[in-house]
Amino acid sequence: MSQCLRCRVSGRVQGVWYRAGTRRQAQALGVTGYARNLSDGQVEVLACGETSDLEQLKAWLWEGPDAADVRSVECQAAEETPPQDFSTR
């Protein structure tokens, strides 16, 4: 079943290639959406796809790239029209 999640990721997640890594992982899983930096130092991720693919992406959000230090990942269902691809903003 296809759905969308909006996640807020906190920790050392800006300036460490977190958004680019998330885009690569999402594209590999066939997930659409975006990752963008927020002014408070967090990264917001909108992810739309099949439940199993979203679970895999959510697990990756906890890891991130090598330089990241993820402290929390909070996700909730989002009523969104799924984008055509996954982008960074």
N, C-alpha and C. Protein backbone atom coordinates (compact mmCIF):
# COMPACT_ATOMS: atom_id res chain seq x y z
N MET A 1 0.84 -1.18 0.00
CA MET A 1 0.00 0.00 0.00
C MET A 1 0.88 1.25 0.00
N SER A 2 0.58 2.17 -0.87
CA SER A 2 1.38 3.39 -0.98
C SER A 2 0.89 4.43 0.03
N GLN A 3 1.86 5.11 0.64
CA GLN A 3 1.54 6.16 1.61
C GLN A 3 2.67 7.16 1.65
N CYS A 4 2.46 8.25 2.39
CA CYS A 4 3.50 9.27 2.57
C CYS A 4 3.77 9.46 4.06
N LEU A 5 5.04 9.68 4.38
CA LEU A 5 5.48 10.00 5.73
C LEU A 5 6.23 11.31 5.71
N ARG A 6 6.04 12.12 6.75
CA ARG A 6 6.85 13.32 6.93
C ARG A 6 7.68 13.09 8.19
N CYS A 7 9.00 13.16 8.03
CA CYS A 7 9.91 12.88 9.14
C CYS A 7 10.76 14.11 9.45
N ARG A 8 11.04 14.30 10.72
CA ARG A 8 11.99 15.33 11.17
C ARG A 8 13.16 14.60 11.82
N VAL A 9 14.34 14.90 11.31
CA VAL A 9 15.56 14.22 11.77
C VAL A 9 16.42 15.26 12.47
N SER A 10 16.85 14.94 13.70
CA SER A 10 17.70 15.89 14.43
C SER A 10 19.01 15.23 14.83
N GLY A 11 19.96 16.08 15.17
CA GLY A 11 21.32 15.66 15.48
C GLY A 11 22.27 16.43 14.56
N ARG A 12 23.42 15.83 14.28
CA ARG A 12 24.34 16.47 13.32
C ARG A 12 23.95 15.94 11.93
N VAL A 13 23.00 16.64 11.29
CA VAL A 13 22.45 16.18 10.02
C VAL A 13 22.53 17.23 8.92
N GLN A 14 23.09 18.39 9.21
CA GLN A 14 23.30 19.40 8.17
C GLN A 14 24.80 19.56 7.95
N GLY A 15 25.18 19.71 6.68
CA GLY A 15 26.59 19.86 6.34
C GLY A 15 27.36 18.55 6.34
N VAL A 16 26.64 17.43 6.31
CA VAL A 16 27.30 16.11 6.33
C VAL A 16 26.80 15.22 5.19
N TRP A 17 26.22 15.82 4.15
CA TRP A 17 25.71 15.10 2.98
C TRP A 17 24.51 14.23 3.33
N TYR A 18 23.78 14.62 4.36
CA TYR A 18 22.61 13.84 4.79
C TYR A 18 21.51 13.86 3.73
N ARG A 19 21.19 15.05 3.18
CA ARG A 19 20.12 15.13 2.18
C ARG A 19 20.48 14.36 0.92
N ALA A 20 21.71 14.47 0.46
CA ALA A 20 22.14 13.75 -0.75
C ALA A 20 22.10 12.25 -0.52
N GLY A 21 22.54 11.81 0.63
CA GLY A 21 22.50 10.38 0.95
C GLY A 21 21.08 9.86 1.03
N THR A 22 20.20 10.68 1.60
CA THR A 22 18.79 10.29 1.69
C THR A 22 18.19 10.18 0.29
N ARG A 23 18.54 11.12 -0.59
CA ARG A 23 18.04 11.07 -1.97
C ARG A 23 18.50 9.79 -2.66
N ARG A 24 19.78 9.44 -2.53
CA ARG A 24 20.29 8.22 -3.16
C ARG A 24 19.57 6.98 -2.63
N GLN A 25 19.39 6.92 -1.32
CA GLN A 25 18.72 5.77 -0.71
C GLN A 25 17.27 5.69 -1.17
N ALA A 26 16.57 6.82 -1.18
CA ALA A 26 15.17 6.85 -1.61
C ALA A 26 15.03 6.41 -3.07
N GLN A 27 15.91 6.92 -3.92
CA GLN A 27 15.85 6.55 -5.33
C GLN A 27 16.10 5.06 -5.51
N ALA A 28 17.01 4.49 -4.75
CA ALA A 28 17.29 3.06 -4.84
C ALA A 28 16.08 2.23 -4.42
N LEU A 29 15.27 2.77 -3.50
CA LEU A 29 14.09 2.07 -3.01
C LEU A 29 12.83 2.37 -3.83
N GLY A 30 12.92 3.34 -4.74
CA GLY A 30 11.74 3.73 -5.51
C GLY A 30 10.80 4.63 -4.73
N VAL A 31 11.32 5.34 -3.73
CA VAL A 31 10.54 6.25 -2.90
C VAL A 31 10.65 7.66 -3.48
N THR A 32 9.53 8.39 -3.51
CA THR A 32 9.55 9.77 -3.98
C THR A 32 9.37 10.71 -2.80
N GLY A 33 9.67 12.00 -3.02
CA GLY A 33 9.52 13.00 -1.97
C GLY A 33 10.66 14.00 -2.02
N TYR A 34 11.11 14.45 -0.84
CA TYR A 34 12.21 15.41 -0.77
C TYR A 34 12.86 15.37 0.60
N ALA A 35 14.05 15.95 0.67
CA ALA A 35 14.75 16.19 1.93
C ALA A 35 15.19 17.65 1.90
N ARG A 36 14.93 18.37 2.99
CA ARG A 36 15.34 19.77 3.04
C ARG A 36 15.82 20.13 4.43
N ASN A 37 16.77 21.07 4.48
CA ASN A 37 17.26 21.59 5.74
C ASN A 37 16.22 22.53 6.33
N LEU A 38 16.07 22.50 7.64
CA LEU A 38 15.21 23.43 8.36
C LEU A 38 16.09 24.42 9.12
N SER A 39 15.54 25.58 9.41
CA SER A 39 16.33 26.64 10.05
C SER A 39 16.78 26.27 11.46
N ASP A 40 16.12 25.29 12.09
CA ASP A 40 16.51 24.90 13.45
C ASP A 40 17.58 23.81 13.48
N GLY A 41 18.16 23.48 12.31
CA GLY A 41 19.24 22.50 12.27
C GLY A 41 18.77 21.09 11.97
N GLN A 42 17.47 20.88 11.90
CA GLN A 42 16.94 19.56 11.57
C GLN A 42 16.82 19.41 10.06
N VAL A 43 16.55 18.18 9.63
CA VAL A 43 16.25 17.90 8.23
C VAL A 43 14.83 17.34 8.18
N GLU A 44 14.02 17.87 7.26
CA GLU A 44 12.68 17.35 7.04
C GLU A 44 12.70 16.46 5.81
N VAL A 45 12.09 15.28 5.93
CA VAL A 45 12.02 14.34 4.82
C VAL A 45 10.56 14.00 4.57
N LEU A 46 10.12 14.21 3.33
CA LEU A 46 8.82 13.70 2.89
C LEU A 46 9.13 12.48 2.05
N ALA A 47 8.55 11.35 2.42
CA ALA A 47 8.82 10.09 1.71
C ALA A 47 7.50 9.43 1.36
N CYS A 48 7.31 9.11 0.07
CA CYS A 48 6.08 8.49 -0.41
C CYS A 48 6.44 7.21 -1.15
N GLY A 49 5.74 6.12 -0.80
CA GLY A 49 6.00 4.86 -1.46
C GLY A 49 5.30 3.72 -0.75
N GLU A 50 5.71 2.52 -1.08
CA GLU A 50 5.15 1.33 -0.45
C GLU A 50 5.64 1.22 1.00
N THR A 51 4.81 0.68 1.85
CA THR A 51 5.12 0.60 3.28
C THR A 51 6.48 -0.04 3.56
N SER A 52 6.78 -1.15 2.89
CA SER A 52 8.05 -1.84 3.16
C SER A 52 9.24 -0.98 2.75
N ASP A 53 9.11 -0.24 1.65
CA ASP A 53 10.20 0.64 1.20
C ASP A 53 10.37 1.81 2.17
N LEU A 54 9.25 2.33 2.68
CA LEU A 54 9.33 3.44 3.65
C LEU A 54 9.98 2.98 4.94
N GLU A 55 9.72 1.75 5.35
CA GLU A 55 10.35 1.22 6.57
C GLU A 55 11.86 1.12 6.38
N GLN A 56 12.29 0.69 5.18
CA GLN A 56 13.73 0.61 4.91
C GLN A 56 14.36 2.00 4.90
N LEU A 57 13.66 2.98 4.31
CA LEU A 57 14.20 4.34 4.29
C LEU A 57 14.25 4.90 5.71
N LYS A 58 13.23 4.63 6.49
CA LYS A 58 13.20 5.13 7.87
C LYS A 58 14.38 4.56 8.67
N ALA A 59 14.68 3.30 8.46
CA ALA A 59 15.84 2.70 9.13
C ALA A 59 17.12 3.41 8.70
N TRP A 60 17.22 3.76 7.40
CA TRP A 60 18.41 4.46 6.91
C TRP A 60 18.50 5.86 7.53
N LEU A 61 17.35 6.52 7.73
CA LEU A 61 17.37 7.86 8.31
C LEU A 61 18.04 7.85 9.68
N TRP A 62 17.92 6.76 10.41
CA TRP A 62 18.59 6.65 11.71
C TRP A 62 20.10 6.52 11.55
N GLU A 63 20.56 5.97 10.43
CA GLU A 63 22.00 5.78 10.17
C GLU A 63 22.62 7.03 9.57
N GLY A 64 22.09 7.42 8.40
CA GLY A 64 22.63 8.56 7.68
C GLY A 64 24.03 8.26 7.16
N PRO A 65 24.64 9.27 6.54
CA PRO A 65 26.02 9.10 6.07
C PRO A 65 27.00 9.03 7.24
N ASP A 66 28.24 8.65 6.95
CA ASP A 66 29.23 8.42 8.00
C ASP A 66 29.41 9.60 8.95
N ALA A 67 29.40 10.83 8.43
CA ALA A 67 29.68 12.01 9.26
C ALA A 67 28.48 12.44 10.09
N ALA A 68 27.32 11.87 9.85
CA ALA A 68 26.12 12.27 10.59
C ALA A 68 26.10 11.66 11.98
N ASP A 69 25.42 12.33 12.89
CA ASP A 69 25.17 11.82 14.24
C ASP A 69 23.69 12.05 14.51
N VAL A 70 22.86 11.07 14.14
CA VAL A 70 21.41 11.19 14.25
C VAL A 70 20.98 10.97 15.70
N ARG A 71 20.23 11.92 16.24
CA ARG A 71 19.74 11.83 17.62
C ARG A 71 18.29 11.38 17.68
N SER A 72 17.47 11.81 16.71
CA SER A 72 16.08 11.37 16.71
C SER A 72 15.50 11.44 15.30
N VAL A 73 14.53 10.55 15.06
CA VAL A 73 13.77 10.53 13.80
C VAL A 73 12.31 10.40 14.21
N GLU A 74 11.52 11.43 13.92
CA GLU A 74 10.11 11.41 14.25
C GLU A 74 9.32 11.47 12.96
N CYS A 75 8.50 10.45 12.71
CA CYS A 75 7.73 10.37 11.48
C CYS A 75 6.24 10.30 11.78
N GLN A 76 5.45 10.89 10.90
CA GLN A 76 4.01 10.78 10.99
C GLN A 76 3.43 10.71 9.59
N ALA A 77 2.26 10.12 9.48
CA ALA A 77 1.59 10.02 8.18
C ALA A 77 1.32 11.41 7.64
N ALA A 78 1.45 11.56 6.33
CA ALA A 78 1.22 12.85 5.68
C ALA A 78 0.24 12.66 4.54
N GLU A 79 -0.74 13.54 4.47
CA GLU A 79 -1.69 13.53 3.36
C GLU A 79 -1.12 14.41 2.26
N GLU A 80 -0.38 13.80 1.36
CA GLU A 80 0.30 14.53 0.29
C GLU A 80 0.05 13.82 -1.03
N THR A 81 0.10 14.57 -2.11
CA THR A 81 0.14 13.97 -3.43
C THR A 81 1.59 13.58 -3.67
N PRO A 82 1.87 12.29 -3.90
CA PRO A 82 3.26 11.88 -4.06
C PRO A 82 3.94 12.60 -5.23
N PRO A 83 5.11 13.17 -5.02
CA PRO A 83 5.88 13.79 -6.10
C PRO A 83 6.32 12.74 -7.11
N GLN A 84 6.78 13.19 -8.26
CA GLN A 84 7.23 12.28 -9.32
C GLN A 84 8.58 11.65 -9.02
N ASP A 85 9.42 12.35 -8.24
CA ASP A 85 10.77 11.86 -7.96
C ASP A 85 11.16 12.27 -6.55
N PHE A 86 12.42 12.06 -6.19
CA PHE A 86 12.92 12.47 -4.88
C PHE A 86 13.96 13.55 -5.10
N SER A 87 13.79 14.69 -4.43
CA SER A 87 14.69 15.83 -4.64
C SER A 87 15.24 16.32 -3.31
N THR A 88 16.28 17.13 -3.40
CA THR A 88 16.77 17.85 -2.22
C THR A 88 16.42 19.30 -2.41
N ARG A 89 16.10 19.95 -1.31
CA ARG A 89 15.70 21.36 -1.36
C ARG A 89 16.56 22.17 -0.44
